[in-house]
Amino acid sequence: MSIVTDLLAKPGVVAAGEYAYRGDRFSYRGALSENHARMASIMCRATTMSVNMEASMVEALQPLSGLLPARGWLVHGPEYTVCVVANVFCLLENSKGSINDLVGFMRHALANIPSDMI
């Protein structure tokens, strides 16, 4: 099974996908239109680049801060949460799933992704 298939089997996950670090490709499954999935992959790539830059800035000010290498991020809204670990994203409906369970699963499943690829 793929990580996307595994994520879609988790309670509350509406959609999941992967994006290329170069920004030229993405794949997804779930309840998103092709256009919304494309926009999600662009947003995830741009935010990942920003998170990595900010972690590097904190590391410059406070060496060994524990933020590098940044492995992912999430945005939690009142109804939905976007979770990204490595180059995998998913959209969670908050009332139907657990953020802690989802992030724990993603961290474990994607633990071997080389940090220089993020």
C-alpha atoms as a PDB file:
ATOM      1  CA  MET A   1       0.000   0.000   0.000  1.00  0.00           C
ATOM      2  CA  SER A   2       1.044   3.582  -0.517  1.00  0.00           C
ATOM      3  CA  ILE A   3       1.173   6.246   2.160  1.00  0.00           C
ATOM      4  CA  VAL A   4      -1.702   8.082   0.429  1.00  0.00           C
ATOM      5  CA  THR A   5      -3.893   4.966   0.532  1.00  0.00           C
ATOM      6  CA  ASP A   6      -2.985   4.415   4.183  1.00  0.00           C
ATOM      7  CA  LEU A   7      -3.845   8.016   5.050  1.00  0.00           C
ATOM      8  CA  LEU A   8      -7.220   7.839   3.309  1.00  0.00           C
ATOM      9  CA  ALA A   9      -8.085   4.859   5.506  1.00  0.00           C
ATOM     10  CA  LYS A  10      -7.600   6.979   8.656  1.00  0.00           C
ATOM     11  CA  PRO A  11     -10.729   8.424  10.300  1.00  0.00           C
ATOM     12  CA  GLY A  12     -11.486  11.969   9.185  1.00  0.00           C
ATOM     13  CA  VAL A  13      -8.989  12.155   6.309  1.00  0.00           C
ATOM     14  CA  VAL A  14     -10.761  13.795   3.382  1.00  0.00           C
ATOM     15  CA  ALA A  15      -7.870  13.814   0.894  1.00  0.00           C
ATOM     16  CA  ALA A  16      -4.170  13.027   0.760  1.00  0.00           C
ATOM     17  CA  GLY A  17      -1.385  13.395  -1.737  1.00  0.00           C
ATOM     18  CA  GLU A  18       2.264  13.914  -2.508  1.00  0.00           C
ATOM     19  CA  TYR A  19       4.015  16.830  -4.165  1.00  0.00           C
ATOM     20  CA  ALA A  20       7.392  17.120  -5.847  1.00  0.00           C
ATOM     21  CA  TYR A  21       9.946  19.295  -4.113  1.00  0.00           C
ATOM     22  CA  ARG A  22      10.660  20.917  -7.482  1.00  0.00           C
ATOM     23  CA  GLY A  23       7.007  21.904  -7.723  1.00  0.00           C
ATOM     24  CA  ASP A  24       6.395  20.318 -11.098  1.00  0.00           C
ATOM     25  CA  ARG A  25       4.285  17.299 -10.111  1.00  0.00           C
ATOM     26  CA  PHE A  26       1.713  16.140  -7.607  1.00  0.00           C
ATOM     27  CA  SER A  27      -0.612  13.216  -7.056  1.00  0.00           C
ATOM     28  CA  TYR A  28      -3.609  12.912  -4.780  1.00  0.00           C
ATOM     29  CA  ARG A  29      -6.676  10.884  -3.897  1.00  0.00           C
ATOM     30  CA  GLY A  30      -9.821  11.906  -2.091  1.00  0.00           C
ATOM     31  CA  ALA A  31     -12.507  14.558  -2.108  1.00  0.00           C
ATOM     32  CA  LEU A  32     -10.642  17.367  -3.878  1.00  0.00           C
ATOM     33  CA  SER A  33     -11.026  18.572  -7.428  1.00  0.00           C
ATOM     34  CA  GLU A  34      -7.946  18.397  -9.641  1.00  0.00           C
ATOM     35  CA  ASN A  35      -7.641  22.182  -9.457  1.00  0.00           C
ATOM     36  CA  HIS A  36      -7.939  22.290  -5.655  1.00  0.00           C
ATOM     37  CA  ALA A  37      -5.394  19.486  -5.329  1.00  0.00           C
ATOM     38  CA  ARG A  38      -3.007  21.420  -7.588  1.00  0.00           C
ATOM     39  CA  MET A  39      -3.458  24.546  -5.454  1.00  0.00           C
ATOM     40  CA  ALA A  40      -2.965  22.473  -2.279  1.00  0.00           C
ATOM     41  CA  SER A  41       0.291  21.023  -3.593  1.00  0.00           C
ATOM     42  CA  ILE A  42       1.570  24.500  -4.519  1.00  0.00           C
ATOM     43  CA  MET A  43       0.601  25.832  -1.082  1.00  0.00           C
ATOM     44  CA  CYS A  44       2.227  22.868   0.663  1.00  0.00           C
ATOM     45  CA  ARG A  45       5.491  23.253  -1.269  1.00  0.00           C
ATOM     46  CA  ALA A  46       5.651  27.014  -0.648  1.00  0.00           C
ATOM     47  CA  THR A  47       4.839  26.639   3.054  1.00  0.00           C
ATOM     48  CA  THR A  48       7.382  23.840   3.457  1.00  0.00           C
ATOM     49  CA  MET A  49      10.056  26.092   1.941  1.00  0.00           C
ATOM     50  CA  SER A  50       9.050  28.895   4.334  1.00  0.00           C
ATOM     51  CA  VAL A  51       9.062  26.616   7.386  1.00  0.00           C
ATOM     52  CA  ASN A  52      12.541  25.378   6.480  1.00  0.00           C
ATOM     53  CA  MET A  53      13.779  28.952   6.056  1.00  0.00           C
ATOM     54  CA  GLU A  54      12.313  30.001   9.409  1.00  0.00           C
ATOM     55  CA  ALA A  55      13.800  26.958  11.156  1.00  0.00           C
ATOM     56  CA  SER A  56      17.195  27.867   9.689  1.00  0.00           C
ATOM     57  CA  MET A  57      16.825  31.431  10.986  1.00  0.00           C
ATOM     58  CA  VAL A  58      16.001  30.189  14.500  1.00  0.00           C
ATOM     59  CA  GLU A  59      18.945  27.781  14.307  1.00  0.00           C
ATOM     60  CA  ALA A  60      21.241  30.685  13.394  1.00  0.00           C
ATOM     61  CA  LEU A  61      20.075  32.588  16.487  1.00  0.00           C
ATOM     62  CA  GLN A  62      19.934  29.571  18.793  1.00  0.00           C
ATOM     63  CA  PRO A  63      22.217  26.734  17.672  1.00  0.00           C
ATOM     64  CA  LEU A  64      20.984  23.232  18.480  1.00  0.00           C
ATOM     65  CA  SER A  65      17.425  24.527  18.860  1.00  0.00           C
ATOM     66  CA  GLY A  66      16.038  21.191  17.733  1.00  0.00           C
ATOM     67  CA  LEU A  67      14.129  22.666  14.805  1.00  0.00           C
ATOM     68  CA  LEU A  68      16.473  21.458  12.088  1.00  0.00           C
ATOM     69  CA  PRO A  69      15.875  19.600   9.993  1.00  0.00           C
ATOM     70  CA  ALA A  70      12.232  20.655   9.890  1.00  0.00           C
ATOM     71  CA  ARG A  71      10.160  17.555   9.103  1.00  0.00           C
ATOM     72  CA  GLY A  72       6.710  19.033   8.600  1.00  0.00           C
ATOM     73  CA  TRP A  73       4.024  21.453   9.664  1.00  0.00           C
ATOM     74  CA  LEU A  74       0.265  21.755  10.138  1.00  0.00           C
ATOM     75  CA  VAL A  75      -2.428  24.399  10.045  1.00  0.00           C
ATOM     76  CA  HIS A  76      -5.390  23.760  12.329  1.00  0.00           C
ATOM     77  CA  GLY A  77      -8.628  25.550  11.533  1.00  0.00           C
ATOM     78  CA  PRO A  78     -12.035  25.263  13.189  1.00  0.00           C
ATOM     79  CA  GLU A  79     -13.242  22.539  10.794  1.00  0.00           C
ATOM     80  CA  TYR A  80     -10.204  21.214   8.935  1.00  0.00           C
ATOM     81  CA  THR A  81      -6.483  20.676   9.458  1.00  0.00           C
ATOM     82  CA  VAL A  82      -3.777  20.452   6.813  1.00  0.00           C
ATOM     83  CA  CYS A  83      -0.945  18.131   7.869  1.00  0.00           C
ATOM     84  CA  VAL A  84       2.336  17.902   5.964  1.00  0.00           C
ATOM     85  CA  VAL A  85       5.256  15.603   6.741  1.00  0.00           C
ATOM     86  CA  ALA A  86       8.092  15.332   4.216  1.00  0.00           C
ATOM     87  CA  ASN A  87       6.359  15.792   0.847  1.00  0.00           C
ATOM     88  CA  VAL A  88       3.043  14.190   1.840  1.00  0.00           C
ATOM     89  CA  PHE A  89      -0.045  16.253   2.619  1.00  0.00           C
ATOM     90  CA  CYS A  90      -3.468  15.390   3.929  1.00  0.00           C
ATOM     91  CA  LEU A  91      -6.650  17.210   4.798  1.00  0.00           C
ATOM     92  CA  LEU A  92      -8.362  16.150   8.022  1.00  0.00           C
ATOM     93  CA  GLU A  93     -11.940  16.893   9.043  1.00  0.00           C
ATOM     94  CA  ASN A  94     -11.380  17.729  12.721  1.00  0.00           C
ATOM     95  CA  SER A  95     -14.681  16.400  14.055  1.00  0.00           C
ATOM     96  CA  LYS A  96     -14.091  12.961  12.527  1.00  0.00           C
ATOM     97  CA  GLY A  97     -10.435  12.263  13.273  1.00  0.00           C
ATOM     98  CA  SER A  98      -7.530  12.825  15.640  1.00  0.00           C
ATOM     99  CA  ILE A  99      -4.705  15.208  14.783  1.00  0.00           C
ATOM    100  CA  ASN A 100      -2.417  13.446  17.254  1.00  0.00           C
ATOM    101  CA  ASP A 101      -3.071  10.023  15.743  1.00  0.00           C
ATOM    102  CA  LEU A 102      -2.660  11.335  12.205  1.00  0.00           C
ATOM    103  CA  VAL A 103       0.594  13.204  12.851  1.00  0.00           C
ATOM    104  CA  GLY A 104       1.965  10.250  14.814  1.00  0.00           C
ATOM    105  CA  PHE A 105       1.172   7.913  11.930  1.00  0.00           C
ATOM    106  CA  MET A 106       2.736  10.262   9.363  1.00  0.00           C
ATOM    107  CA  ARG A 107       5.872  10.772  11.459  1.00  0.00           C
ATOM    108  CA  HIS A 108       6.322   7.028  11.839  1.00  0.00           C
ATOM    109  CA  ALA A 109       5.507   6.151   8.214  1.00  0.00           C
ATOM    110  CA  LEU A 110       7.748   8.897   6.787  1.00  0.00           C
ATOM    111  CA  ALA A 111      10.590   8.723   9.311  1.00  0.00           C
ATOM    112  CA  ASN A 112      13.091   7.386   6.790  1.00  0.00           C
ATOM    113  CA  ILE A 113      12.679  10.165   4.223  1.00  0.00           C
ATOM    114  CA  PRO A 114      16.130  11.824   3.976  1.00  0.00           C
ATOM    115  CA  SER A 115      16.040  15.331   5.481  1.00  0.00           C
ATOM    116  CA  ASP A 116      17.948  16.777   2.515  1.00  0.00           C
ATOM    117  CA  MET A 117      14.943  15.886   0.364  1.00  0.00           C
ATOM    118  CA  ILE A 118      12.602  18.064   2.426  1.00  0.00           C
END
